[in-house]
Every structure is written in C-alpha cells, then in structure tokens.
Amino acid sequence: MSRDRQSRGFQVFDLMTNLTADGIVRGLAAAGAMFVARRTVIILWRTISGKEPPLNPEDPQVSLPEAVGWAALTAATMQTARLLAIRAADSRNSRMRSGPEREPASTADG
C-alpha cells in the first residue's frame, strides 16, 4: 500500500492484489458489517427524526443540520462496524492459524 494512502488513513481492500484467505475473510466480514450498519443507521434515523433519511445530503433542499447529522451518523457507524468486523475476523484467523496448544514432542531416546 502506498505511503500516500496510509497517510490519509485509508486502508483499501483490493481483491485484485490481495487474494489471500485472510484478506477475503476480512473483506467479507467488513462488507457484512457495513450492510448491517447501514440498515441500523436508517432505522435509527427514522426513529430519532421521524423522517426518512436524506437520499442526497448534498441537495440544497436538505437542511444543513440534517445533512451534517446524517453524514456524521453514517460515517461513525459504518467505520466502527468495519473496524470491529475486521478485528473480529483477524482474531478468529489468528486463532485458527495457531491451532490448539500442544506440548512439544520429546526427542529423547530413553
């Protein structure tokens, strides 16, 4: 990953360059978590505001507080879900890789 991307805080999952099992698991976990998070944000928005979420927050007909609120809620929820999913996937992968704890076999001949 280029230094420029890292400096901006982006970690892009690229299937074309990272086709490892761990990378696929991380990507699927992140995608699933973000799907669930998006649905959760929409339900929260409807419950709290009593309105549908803005389809296009950049639209001038959407008030600035509503647009900023939607953007902040969506961004925070989606990134938190992504972070938690990737950490859970990494934790699971590292446990699977290490396997059960075994005692080393004795090499003594007697």
PDB file of N, CA and C in Angstrom:
ATOM      1  N   MET A   1       0.853  -1.175   0.000  1.00  0.00           N
ATOM      2  CA  MET A   1       0.000   0.000   0.000  1.00  0.00           C
ATOM      3  C   MET A   1       0.895   1.233   0.000  1.00  0.00           C
ATOM      4  N   SER A   2       0.548   2.199  -0.773  1.00  0.00           N
ATOM      5  CA  SER A   2       1.386   3.393  -0.890  1.00  0.00           C
ATOM      6  C   SER A   2       1.348   4.217   0.387  1.00  0.00           C
ATOM      7  N   ARG A   3       2.418   4.961   0.602  1.00  0.00           N
ATOM      8  CA  ARG A   3       2.520   5.799   1.787  1.00  0.00           C
ATOM      9  C   ARG A   3       1.439   6.884   1.780  1.00  0.00           C
ATOM     10  N   ASP A   4       1.069   7.360   0.590  1.00  0.00           N
ATOM     11  CA  ASP A   4       0.046   8.388   0.467  1.00  0.00           C
ATOM     12  C   ASP A   4      -1.289   7.895   1.009  1.00  0.00           C
ATOM     13  N   ARG A   5      -1.669   6.673   0.656  1.00  0.00           N
ATOM     14  CA  ARG A   5      -2.926   6.122   1.151  1.00  0.00           C
ATOM     15  C   ARG A   5      -2.882   5.962   2.656  1.00  0.00           C
ATOM     16  N   GLN A   6      -1.759   5.462   3.189  1.00  0.00           N
ATOM     17  CA  GLN A   6      -1.645   5.276   4.617  1.00  0.00           C
ATOM     18  C   GLN A   6      -1.722   6.603   5.350  1.00  0.00           C
ATOM     19  N   SER A   7      -1.113   7.631   4.792  1.00  0.00           N
ATOM     20  CA  SER A   7      -1.106   8.921   5.476  1.00  0.00           C
ATOM     21  C   SER A   7      -2.499   9.513   5.539  1.00  0.00           C
ATOM     22  N   ARG A   8      -3.358   9.176   4.604  1.00  0.00           N
ATOM     23  CA  ARG A   8      -4.734   9.670   4.634  1.00  0.00           C
ATOM     24  C   ARG A   8      -5.633   8.787   5.480  1.00  0.00           C
ATOM     25  N   GLY A   9      -5.104   7.696   5.982  1.00  0.00           N
ATOM     26  CA  GLY A   9      -5.882   6.838   6.855  1.00  0.00           C
ATOM     27  C   GLY A   9      -6.736   5.832   6.116  1.00  0.00           C
ATOM     28  N   PHE A  10      -6.554   5.700   4.811  1.00  0.00           N
ATOM     29  CA  PHE A  10      -7.358   4.755   4.041  1.00  0.00           C
ATOM     30  C   PHE A  10      -6.683   3.391   4.032  1.00  0.00           C
ATOM     31  N   GLN A  11      -7.456   2.358   4.255  1.00  0.00           N
ATOM     32  CA  GLN A  11      -6.964   1.001   4.096  1.00  0.00           C
ATOM     33  C   GLN A  11      -7.923   0.329   3.125  1.00  0.00           C
ATOM     34  N   VAL A  12      -7.511   0.253   1.889  1.00  0.00           N
ATOM     35  CA  VAL A  12      -8.385  -0.239   0.841  1.00  0.00           C
ATOM     36  C   VAL A  12      -8.168  -1.727   0.646  1.00  0.00           C
ATOM     37  N   PHE A  13      -9.252  -2.468   0.708  1.00  0.00           N
ATOM     38  CA  PHE A  13      -9.176  -3.905   0.453  1.00  0.00           C
ATOM     39  C   PHE A  13      -9.305  -4.096  -1.046  1.00  0.00           C
ATOM     40  N   ASP A  14      -8.279  -4.610  -1.657  1.00  0.00           N
ATOM     41  CA  ASP A  14      -8.249  -4.750  -3.105  1.00  0.00           C
ATOM     42  C   ASP A  14      -8.160  -6.224  -3.457  1.00  0.00           C
ATOM     43  N   LEU A  15      -9.264  -6.800  -3.943  1.00  0.00           N
ATOM     44  CA  LEU A  15      -9.295  -8.215  -4.272  1.00  0.00           C
ATOM     45  C   LEU A  15      -8.284  -8.593  -5.344  1.00  0.00           C
ATOM     46  N   MET A  16      -7.942  -7.652  -6.217  1.00  0.00           N
ATOM     47  CA  MET A  16      -7.031  -7.971  -7.308  1.00  0.00           C
ATOM     48  C   MET A  16      -5.592  -8.163  -6.819  1.00  0.00           C
ATOM     49  N   THR A  17      -5.221  -7.536  -5.716  1.00  0.00           N
ATOM     50  CA  THR A  17      -3.842  -7.660  -5.245  1.00  0.00           C
ATOM     51  C   THR A  17      -3.728  -8.438  -3.947  1.00  0.00           C
ATOM     52  N   ASN A  18      -4.829  -8.753  -3.298  1.00  0.00           N
ATOM     53  CA  ASN A  18      -4.783  -9.439  -2.014  1.00  0.00           C
ATOM     54  C   ASN A  18      -5.779 -10.584  -2.011  1.00  0.00           C
ATOM     55  N   LEU A  19      -5.474 -11.653  -2.726  1.00  0.00           N
ATOM     56  CA  LEU A  19      -6.386 -12.782  -2.815  1.00  0.00           C
ATOM     57  C   LEU A  19      -6.029 -13.879  -1.817  1.00  0.00           C
ATOM     58  N   THR A  20      -5.644 -13.498  -0.631  1.00  0.00           N
ATOM     59  CA  THR A  20      -5.357 -14.481   0.405  1.00  0.00           C
ATOM     60  C   THR A  20      -6.633 -14.811   1.148  1.00  0.00           C
ATOM     61  N   ALA A  21      -6.640 -15.940   1.803  1.00  0.00           N
ATOM     62  CA  ALA A  21      -7.822 -16.345   2.565  1.00  0.00           C
ATOM     63  C   ALA A  21      -8.137 -15.315   3.649  1.00  0.00           C
ATOM     64  N   ASP A  22      -7.113 -14.819   4.324  1.00  0.00           N
ATOM     65  CA  ASP A  22      -7.333 -13.820   5.372  1.00  0.00           C
ATOM     66  C   ASP A  22      -7.941 -12.551   4.789  1.00  0.00           C
ATOM     67  N   GLY A  23      -7.435 -12.132   3.643  1.00  0.00           N
ATOM     68  CA  GLY A  23      -7.950 -10.922   3.007  1.00  0.00           C
ATOM     69  C   GLY A  23      -9.396 -11.074   2.593  1.00  0.00           C
ATOM     70  N   ILE A  24      -9.744 -12.240   2.081  1.00  0.00           N
ATOM     71  CA  ILE A  24     -11.131 -12.485   1.668  1.00  0.00           C
ATOM     72  C   ILE A  24     -12.045 -12.494   2.881  1.00  0.00           C
ATOM     73  N   VAL A  25     -11.611 -13.152   3.955  1.00  0.00           N
ATOM     74  CA  VAL A  25     -12.422 -13.194   5.176  1.00  0.00           C
ATOM     75  C   VAL A  25     -12.613 -11.784   5.733  1.00  0.00           C
ATOM     76  N   ARG A  26     -11.529 -10.996   5.761  1.00  0.00           N
ATOM     77  CA  ARG A  26     -11.626  -9.617   6.258  1.00  0.00           C
ATOM     78  C   ARG A  26     -12.593  -8.793   5.406  1.00  0.00           C
ATOM     79  N   GLY A  27     -12.487  -8.944   4.096  1.00  0.00           N
ATOM     80  CA  GLY A  27     -13.367  -8.192   3.196  1.00  0.00           C
ATOM     81  C   GLY A  27     -14.823  -8.568   3.357  1.00  0.00           C
ATOM     82  N   LEU A  28     -15.103  -9.866   3.451  1.00  0.00           N
ATOM     83  CA  LEU A  28     -16.486 -10.318   3.634  1.00  0.00           C
ATOM     84  C   LEU A  28     -17.037  -9.865   4.987  1.00  0.00           C
ATOM     85  N   ALA A  29     -16.208  -9.950   6.016  1.00  0.00           N
ATOM     86  CA  ALA A  29     -16.653  -9.501   7.343  1.00  0.00           C
ATOM     87  C   ALA A  29     -16.969  -8.014   7.329  1.00  0.00           C
ATOM     88  N   ALA A  30     -16.104  -7.228   6.708  1.00  0.00           N
ATOM     89  CA  ALA A  30     -16.328  -5.781   6.640  1.00  0.00           C
ATOM     90  C   ALA A  30     -17.572  -5.456   5.824  1.00  0.00           C
ATOM     91  N   ALA A  31     -17.752  -6.137   4.691  1.00  0.00           N
ATOM     92  CA  ALA A  31     -18.919  -5.875   3.849  1.00  0.00           C
ATOM     93  C   ALA A  31     -20.208  -6.238   4.572  1.00  0.00           C
ATOM     94  N   GLY A  32     -20.213  -7.369   5.249  1.00  0.00           N
ATOM     95  CA  GLY A  32     -21.405  -7.776   6.002  1.00  0.00           C
ATOM     96  C   GLY A  32     -21.718  -6.811   7.132  1.00  0.00           C
ATOM     97  N   ALA A  33     -20.684  -6.397   7.847  1.00  0.00           N
ATOM     98  CA  ALA A  33     -20.893  -5.463   8.951  1.00  0.00           C
ATOM     99  C   ALA A  33     -21.400  -4.118   8.446  1.00  0.00           C
ATOM    100  N   MET A  34     -20.880  -3.672   7.311  1.00  0.00           N
ATOM    101  CA  MET A  34     -21.313  -2.380   6.782  1.00  0.00           C
ATOM    102  C   MET A  34     -22.749  -2.447   6.271  1.00  0.00           C
ATOM    103  N   PHE A  35     -23.160  -3.589   5.722  1.00  0.00           N
ATOM    104  CA  PHE A  35     -24.546  -3.757   5.295  1.00  0.00           C
ATOM    105  C   PHE A  35     -25.482  -3.667   6.492  1.00  0.00           C
ATOM    106  N   VAL A  36     -25.153  -4.381   7.556  1.00  0.00           N
ATOM    107  CA  VAL A  36     -25.973  -4.357   8.767  1.00  0.00           C
ATOM    108  C   VAL A  36     -25.958  -2.959   9.386  1.00  0.00           C
ATOM    109  N   ALA A  37     -24.801  -2.321   9.401  1.00  0.00           N
ATOM    110  CA  ALA A  37     -24.697  -0.976   9.980  1.00  0.00           C
ATOM    111  C   ALA A  37     -25.549   0.022   9.204  1.00  0.00           C
ATOM    112  N   ARG A  38     -25.538  -0.067   7.895  1.00  0.00           N
ATOM    113  CA  ARG A  38     -26.344   0.848   7.065  1.00  0.00           C
ATOM    114  C   ARG A  38     -27.828   0.701   7.391  1.00  0.00           C
ATOM    115  N   ARG A  39     -28.284  -0.538   7.487  1.00  0.00           N
ATOM    116  CA  ARG A  39     -29.695  -0.779   7.827  1.00  0.00           C
ATOM    117  C   ARG A  39     -30.005  -0.230   9.223  1.00  0.00           C
ATOM    118  N   THR A  40     -29.083  -0.427  10.141  1.00  0.00           N
ATOM    119  CA  THR A  40     -29.281   0.055  11.510  1.00  0.00           C
ATOM    120  C   THR A  40     -29.357   1.579  11.542  1.00  0.00           C
ATOM    121  N   VAL A  41     -28.493   2.254  10.795  1.00  0.00           N
ATOM    122  CA  VAL A  41     -28.483   3.717  10.750  1.00  0.00           C
ATOM    123  C   VAL A  41     -29.811   4.240  10.194  1.00  0.00           C
ATOM    124  N   ILE A  42     -30.315   3.607   9.163  1.00  0.00           N
ATOM    125  CA  ILE A  42     -31.588   4.044   8.578  1.00  0.00           C
ATOM    126  C   ILE A  42     -32.717   3.915   9.601  1.00  0.00           C
ATOM    127  N   ILE A  43     -32.755   2.791  10.320  1.00  0.00           N
ATOM    128  CA  ILE A  43     -33.788   2.597  11.343  1.00  0.00           C
ATOM    129  C   ILE A  43     -33.630   3.613  12.469  1.00  0.00           C
ATOM    130  N   LEU A  44     -32.392   3.844  12.908  1.00  0.00           N
ATOM    131  CA  LEU A  44     -32.150   4.849  13.953  1.00  0.00           C
ATOM    132  C   LEU A  44     -32.598   6.240  13.509  1.00  0.00           C
ATOM    133  N   TRP A  45     -32.257   6.596  12.282  1.00  0.00           N
ATOM    134  CA  TRP A  45     -32.629   7.916  11.763  1.00  0.00           C
ATOM    135  C   TRP A  45     -34.143   8.086  11.763  1.00  0.00           C
ATOM    136  N   ARG A  46     -34.845   7.076  11.282  1.00  0.00           N
ATOM    137  CA  ARG A  46     -36.315   7.140  11.248  1.00  0.00           C
ATOM    138  C   ARG A  46     -36.892   7.258  12.653  1.00  0.00           C
ATOM    139  N   THR A  47     -36.318   6.513  13.595  1.00  0.00           N
ATOM    140  CA  THR A  47     -36.809   6.532  14.968  1.00  0.00           C
ATOM    141  C   THR A  47     -36.553   7.877  15.635  1.00  0.00           C
ATOM    142  N   ILE A  48     -35.353   8.401  15.470  1.00  0.00           N
ATOM    143  CA  ILE A  48     -34.979   9.646  16.144  1.00  0.00           C
ATOM    144  C   ILE A  48     -35.629  10.858  15.496  1.00  0.00           C
ATOM    145  N   SER A  49     -35.558  10.944  14.165  1.00  0.00           N
ATOM    146  CA  SER A  49     -36.039  12.156  13.490  1.00  0.00           C
ATOM    147  C   SER A  49     -37.499  12.074  13.070  1.00  0.00           C
ATOM    148  N   GLY A  50     -38.004  10.856  12.940  1.00  0.00           N
ATOM    149  CA  GLY A  50     -39.374  10.701  12.468  1.00  0.00           C
ATOM    150  C   GLY A  50     -39.515  10.911  10.968  1.00  0.00           C
ATOM    151  N   LYS A  51     -38.385  11.044  10.272  1.00  0.00           N
ATOM    152  CA  LYS A  51     -38.394  11.262   8.821  1.00  0.00           C
ATOM    153  C   LYS A  51     -37.508  10.224   8.148  1.00  0.00           C
ATOM    154  N   GLU A  52     -37.668  10.143   6.837  1.00  0.00           N
ATOM    155  CA  GLU A  52     -36.784   9.290   6.050  1.00  0.00           C
ATOM    156  C   GLU A  52     -35.407   9.953   5.975  1.00  0.00           C
ATOM    157  N   PRO A  53     -34.337   9.149   5.916  1.00  0.00           N
ATOM    158  CA  PRO A  53     -33.014   9.752   5.770  1.00  0.00           C
ATOM    159  C   PRO A  53     -32.885  10.436   4.411  1.00  0.00           C
ATOM    160  N   PRO A  54     -32.076  11.462   4.324  1.00  0.00           N
ATOM    161  CA  PRO A  54     -31.921  12.157   3.038  1.00  0.00           C
ATOM    162  C   PRO A  54     -31.273  11.244   1.999  1.00  0.00           C
ATOM    163  N   LEU A  55     -31.862  11.202   0.813  1.00  0.00           N
ATOM    164  CA  LEU A  55     -31.298  10.392  -0.267  1.00  0.00           C
ATOM    165  C   LEU A  55     -30.000  10.999  -0.782  1.00  0.00           C
ATOM    166  N   ASN A  56     -29.958  12.322  -0.827  1.00  0.00           N
ATOM    167  CA  ASN A  56     -28.778  13.021  -1.319  1.00  0.00           C
ATOM    168  C   ASN A  56     -28.500  14.202  -0.389  1.00  0.00           C
ATOM    169  N   PRO A  57     -27.631  14.010   0.605  1.00  0.00           N
ATOM    170  CA  PRO A  57     -27.359  15.091   1.548  1.00  0.00           C
ATOM    171  C   PRO A  57     -26.788  16.353   0.899  1.00  0.00           C
ATOM    172  N   GLU A  58     -26.212  16.226  -0.309  1.00  0.00           N
ATOM    173  CA  GLU A  58     -25.654  17.392  -0.994  1.00  0.00           C
ATOM    174  C   GLU A  58     -26.726  18.271  -1.620  1.00  0.00           C
ATOM    175  N   ASP A  59     -27.943  17.763  -1.697  1.00  0.00           N
ATOM    176  CA  ASP A  59     -29.048  18.506  -2.293  1.00  0.00           C
ATOM    177  C   ASP A  59     -29.329  19.771  -1.473  1.00  0.00           C
ATOM    178  N   PRO A  60     -29.411  20.939  -2.117  1.00  0.00           N
ATOM    179  CA  PRO A  60     -29.661  22.186  -1.382  1.00  0.00           C
ATOM    180  C   PRO A  60     -31.015  22.201  -0.648  1.00  0.00           C
ATOM    181  N   GLN A  61     -31.933  21.347  -1.035  1.00  0.00           N
ATOM    182  CA  GLN A  61     -33.231  21.298  -0.344  1.00  0.00           C
ATOM    183  C   GLN A  61     -33.144  20.591   1.003  1.00  0.00           C
ATOM    184  N   VAL A  62     -32.069  19.863   1.242  1.00  0.00           N
ATOM    185  CA  VAL A  62     -31.848  19.221   2.536  1.00  0.00           C
ATOM    186  C   VAL A  62     -31.163  20.239   3.431  1.00  0.00           C
ATOM    187  N   SER A  63     -31.724  20.447   4.632  1.00  0.00           N
ATOM    188  CA  SER A  63     -31.139  21.451   5.525  1.00  0.00           C
ATOM    189  C   SER A  63     -29.721  21.034   5.936  1.00  0.00           C
ATOM    190  N   LEU A  64     -28.895  22.037   6.212  1.00  0.00           N
ATOM    191  CA  LEU A  64     -27.509  21.777   6.581  1.00  0.00           C
ATOM    192  C   LEU A  64     -27.407  20.919   7.847  1.00  0.00           C
ATOM    193  N   PRO A  65     -28.153  21.216   8.923  1.00  0.00           N
ATOM    194  CA  PRO A  65     -28.056  20.362  10.120  1.00  0.00           C
ATOM    195  C   PRO A  65     -28.464  18.911   9.828  1.00  0.00           C
ATOM    196  N   GLU A  66     -29.467  18.729   8.988  1.00  0.00           N
ATOM    197  CA  GLU A  66     -29.901  17.374   8.644  1.00  0.00           C
ATOM    198  C   GLU A  66     -28.819  16.648   7.837  1.00  0.00           C
ATOM    199  N   ALA A  67     -28.227  17.335   6.877  1.00  0.00           N
ATOM    200  CA  ALA A  67     -27.193  16.736   6.045  1.00  0.00           C
ATOM    201  C   ALA A  67     -25.960  16.373   6.876  1.00  0.00           C
ATOM    202  N   VAL A  68     -25.535  17.283   7.750  1.00  0.00           N
ATOM    203  CA  VAL A  68     -24.365  17.033   8.585  1.00  0.00           C
ATOM    204  C   VAL A  68     -24.648  15.910   9.582  1.00  0.00           C
ATOM    205  N   GLY A  69     -25.834  15.921  10.162  1.00  0.00           N
ATOM    206  CA  GLY A  69     -26.220  14.861  11.100  1.00  0.00           C
ATOM    207  C   GLY A  69     -26.218  13.497  10.442  1.00  0.00           C
ATOM    208  N   TRP A  70     -26.805  13.428   9.246  1.00  0.00           N
ATOM    209  CA  TRP A  70     -26.840  12.162   8.506  1.00  0.00           C
ATOM    210  C   TRP A  70     -25.416  11.696   8.166  1.00  0.00           C
ATOM    211  N   ALA A  71     -24.588  12.614   7.686  1.00  0.00           N
ATOM    212  CA  ALA A  71     -23.218  12.260   7.318  1.00  0.00           C
ATOM    213  C   ALA A  71     -22.427  11.778   8.535  1.00  0.00           C
ATOM    214  N   ALA A  72     -22.547  12.466   9.643  1.00  0.00           N
ATOM    215  CA  ALA A  72     -21.803  12.101  10.849  1.00  0.00           C
ATOM    216  C   ALA A  72     -22.265  10.749  11.401  1.00  0.00           C
ATOM    217  N   LEU A  73     -23.562  10.554  11.480  1.00  0.00           N
ATOM    218  CA  LEU A  73     -24.100   9.298  11.993  1.00  0.00           C
ATOM    219  C   LEU A  73     -23.699   8.124  11.096  1.00  0.00           C
ATOM    220  N   THR A  74     -23.822   8.320   9.800  1.00  0.00           N
ATOM    221  CA  THR A  74     -23.481   7.257   8.855  1.00  0.00           C
ATOM    222  C   THR A  74     -21.995   6.934   8.908  1.00  0.00           C
ATOM    223  N   ALA A  75     -21.156   7.943   8.854  1.00  0.00           N
ATOM    224  CA  ALA A  75     -19.708   7.720   8.843  1.00  0.00           C
ATOM    225  C   ALA A  75     -19.235   7.037  10.122  1.00  0.00           C
ATOM    226  N   ALA A  76     -19.673   7.526  11.257  1.00  0.00           N
ATOM    227  CA  ALA A  76     -19.231   6.950  12.530  1.00  0.00           C
ATOM    228  C   ALA A  76     -19.690   5.501  12.670  1.00  0.00           C
ATOM    229  N   THR A  77     -20.921   5.239  12.318  1.00  0.00           N
ATOM    230  CA  THR A  77     -21.458   3.886  12.453  1.00  0.00           C
ATOM    231  C   THR A  77     -20.789   2.916  11.483  1.00  0.00           C
ATOM    232  N   MET A  78     -20.630   3.334  10.235  1.00  0.00           N
ATOM    233  CA  MET A  78     -20.045   2.453   9.231  1.00  0.00           C
ATOM    234  C   MET A  78     -18.578   2.136   9.549  1.00  0.00           C
ATOM    235  N   GLN A  79     -17.807   3.124   9.926  1.00  0.00           N
ATOM    236  CA  GLN A  79     -16.396   2.882  10.218  1.00  0.00           C
ATOM    237  C   GLN A  79     -16.212   2.055  11.486  1.00  0.00           C
ATOM    238  N   THR A  80     -17.068   2.280  12.482  1.00  0.00           N
ATOM    239  CA  THR A  80     -16.992   1.480  13.699  1.00  0.00           C
ATOM    240  C   THR A  80     -17.338   0.030  13.404  1.00  0.00           C
ATOM    241  N   ALA A  81     -18.381  -0.199  12.622  1.00  0.00           N
ATOM    242  CA  ALA A  81     -18.766  -1.567  12.257  1.00  0.00           C
ATOM    243  C   ALA A  81     -17.649  -2.247  11.471  1.00  0.00           C
ATOM    244  N   ARG A  82     -17.042  -1.530  10.542  1.00  0.00           N
ATOM    245  CA  ARG A  82     -15.948  -2.070   9.726  1.00  0.00           C
ATOM    246  C   ARG A  82     -14.758  -2.443  10.608  1.00  0.00           C
ATOM    247  N   LEU A  83     -14.399  -1.545  11.510  1.00  0.00           N
ATOM    248  CA  LEU A  83     -13.282  -1.785  12.416  1.00  0.00           C
ATOM    249  C   LEU A  83     -13.519  -3.025  13.271  1.00  0.00           C
ATOM    250  N   LEU A  84     -14.688  -3.122  13.882  1.00  0.00           N
ATOM    251  CA  LEU A  84     -15.000  -4.256  14.748  1.00  0.00           C
ATOM    252  C   LEU A  84     -15.032  -5.566  13.966  1.00  0.00           C
ATOM    253  N   ALA A  85     -15.590  -5.545  12.760  1.00  0.00           N
ATOM    254  CA  ALA A  85     -15.657  -6.756  11.944  1.00  0.00           C
ATOM    255  C   ALA A  85     -14.270  -7.234  11.536  1.00  0.00           C
ATOM    256  N   ILE A  86     -13.410  -6.309  11.125  1.00  0.00           N
ATOM    257  CA  ILE A  86     -12.061  -6.699  10.707  1.00  0.00           C
ATOM    258  C   ILE A  86     -11.256  -7.210  11.892  1.00  0.00           C
ATOM    259  N   ARG A  87     -11.401  -6.581  13.042  1.00  0.00           N
ATOM    260  CA  ARG A  87     -10.687  -7.062  14.226  1.00  0.00           C
ATOM    261  C   ARG A  87     -11.170  -8.451  14.631  1.00  0.00           C
ATOM    262  N   ALA A  88     -12.480  -8.674  14.553  1.00  0.00           N
ATOM    263  CA  ALA A  88     -13.019  -9.995  14.886  1.00  0.00           C
ATOM    264  C   ALA A  88     -12.522 -11.042  13.898  1.00  0.00           C
ATOM    265  N   ALA A  89     -12.496 -10.708  12.632  1.00  0.00           N
ATOM    266  CA  ALA A  89     -12.006 -11.645  11.614  1.00  0.00           C
ATOM    267  C   ALA A  89     -10.525 -11.943  11.826  1.00  0.00           C
ATOM    268  N   ASP A  90      -9.746 -10.927  12.114  1.00  0.00           N
ATOM    269  CA  ASP A  90      -8.314 -11.129  12.351  1.00  0.00           C
ATOM    270  C   ASP A  90      -8.080 -12.000  13.587  1.00  0.00           C
ATOM    271  N   SER A  91      -8.850 -11.753  14.630  1.00  0.00           N
ATOM    272  CA  SER A  91      -8.723 -12.535  15.854  1.00  0.00           C
ATOM    273  C   SER A  91      -9.060 -13.997  15.583  1.00  0.00           C
ATOM    274  N   ARG A  92     -10.128 -14.214  14.852  1.00  0.00           N
ATOM    275  CA  ARG A  92     -10.538 -15.580  14.515  1.00  0.00           C
ATOM    276  C   ARG A  92      -9.488 -16.249  13.633  1.00  0.00           C
ATOM    277  N   ASN A  93      -8.968 -15.521  12.643  1.00  0.00           N
ATOM    278  CA  ASN A  93      -7.957 -16.090  11.757  1.00  0.00           C
ATOM    279  C   ASN A  93      -6.685 -16.450  12.511  1.00  0.00           C
ATOM    280  N   SER A  94      -6.279 -15.606  13.444  1.00  0.00           N
ATOM    281  CA  SER A  94      -5.043 -15.899  14.186  1.00  0.00           C
ATOM    282  C   SER A  94      -5.239 -17.100  15.096  1.00  0.00           C
ATOM    283  N   ARG A  95      -6.427 -17.260  15.668  1.00  0.00           N
ATOM    284  CA  ARG A  95      -6.704 -18.446  16.496  1.00  0.00           C
ATOM    285  C   ARG A  95      -6.712 -19.709  15.643  1.00  0.00           C
ATOM    286  N   MET A  96      -7.298 -19.621  14.444  1.00  0.00           N
ATOM    287  CA  MET A  96      -7.358 -20.781  13.565  1.00  0.00           C
ATOM    288  C   MET A  96      -5.958 -21.160  13.083  1.00  0.00           C
ATOM    289  N   ARG A  97      -5.116 -20.158  12.807  1.00  0.00           N
ATOM    290  CA  ARG A  97      -3.767 -20.408  12.333  1.00  0.00           C
ATOM    291  C   ARG A  97      -2.908 -21.064  13.399  1.00  0.00           C
ATOM    292  N   SER A  98      -3.063 -20.638  14.650  1.00  0.00           N
ATOM    293  CA  SER A  98      -2.219 -21.170  15.712  1.00  0.00           C
ATOM    294  C   SER A  98      -2.649 -22.569  16.113  1.00  0.00           C
ATOM    295  N   GLY A  99      -3.918 -22.893  15.971  1.00  0.00           N
ATOM    296  CA  GLY A  99      -4.407 -24.231  16.302  1.00  0.00           C
ATOM    297  C   GLY A  99      -4.410 -24.460  17.800  1.00  0.00           C
ATOM    298  N   PRO A 100      -4.770 -25.685  18.201  1.00  0.00           N
ATOM    299  CA  PRO A 100      -4.793 -25.983  19.640  1.00  0.00           C
ATOM    300  C   PRO A 100      -3.385 -26.021  20.203  1.00  0.00           C
ATOM    301  N   GLU A 101      -3.287 -25.664  21.454  1.00  0.00           N
ATOM    302  CA  GLU A 101      -1.986 -25.681  22.126  1.00  0.00           C
ATOM    303  C   GLU A 101      -1.553 -27.128  22.317  1.00  0.00           C
ATOM    304  N   ARG A 102      -0.325 -27.454  21.906  1.00  0.00           N
ATOM    305  CA  ARG A 102       0.208 -28.803  22.053  1.00  0.00           C
ATOM    306  C   ARG A 102       1.554 -28.733  22.767  1.00  0.00           C
ATOM    307  N   GLU A 103       1.830 -29.803  23.499  1.00  0.00           N
ATOM    308  CA  GLU A 103       3.136 -29.884  24.129  1.00  0.00           C
ATOM    309  C   GLU A 103       4.128 -30.386  23.099  1.00  0.00           C
ATOM    310  N   PRO A 104       5.334 -29.866  23.115  1.00  0.00           N
ATOM    311  CA  PRO A 104       6.329 -30.336  22.137  1.00  0.00           C
ATOM    312  C   PRO A 104       6.658 -31.811  22.364  1.00  0.00           C
ATOM    313  N   ALA A 105       6.857 -32.556  21.281  1.00  0.00           N
ATOM    314  CA  ALA A 105       7.184 -33.970  21.375  1.00  0.00           C
ATOM    315  C   ALA A 105       8.592 -34.126  21.933  1.00  0.00           C
ATOM    316  N   SER A 106       8.773 -35.123  22.744  1.00  0.00           N
ATOM    317  CA  SER A 106      10.073 -35.389  23.342  1.00  0.00           C
ATOM    318  C   SER A 106      10.962 -36.049  22.305  1.00  0.00           C
ATOM    319  N   THR A 107      12.205 -35.613  22.243  1.00  0.00           N
ATOM    320  CA  THR A 107      13.163 -36.190  21.273  1.00  0.00           C
ATOM    321  C   THR A 107      14.156 -37.120  21.958  1.00  0.00           C
ATOM    322  N   ALA A 108      13.966 -37.346  23.244  1.00  0.00           N
ATOM    323  CA  ALA A 108      14.886 -38.221  23.990  1.00  0.00           C
ATOM    324  C   ALA A 108      14.672 -39.673  23.571  1.00  0.00           C
ATOM    325  N   ASP A 109      15.759 -40.443  23.549  1.00  0.00           N
ATOM    326  CA  ASP A 109      15.685 -41.848  23.143  1.00  0.00           C
ATOM    327  C   ASP A 109      15.579 -42.776  24.342  1.00  0.00           C
ATOM    328  N   GLY A 110      15.191 -42.342  25.421  1.00  0.00           N
ATOM    329  CA  GLY A 110      15.281 -43.271  26.506  1.00  0.00           C
ATOM    330  C   GLY A 110      14.282 -43.096  27.503  1.00  0.00           C
TER     331      GLY A 110
END
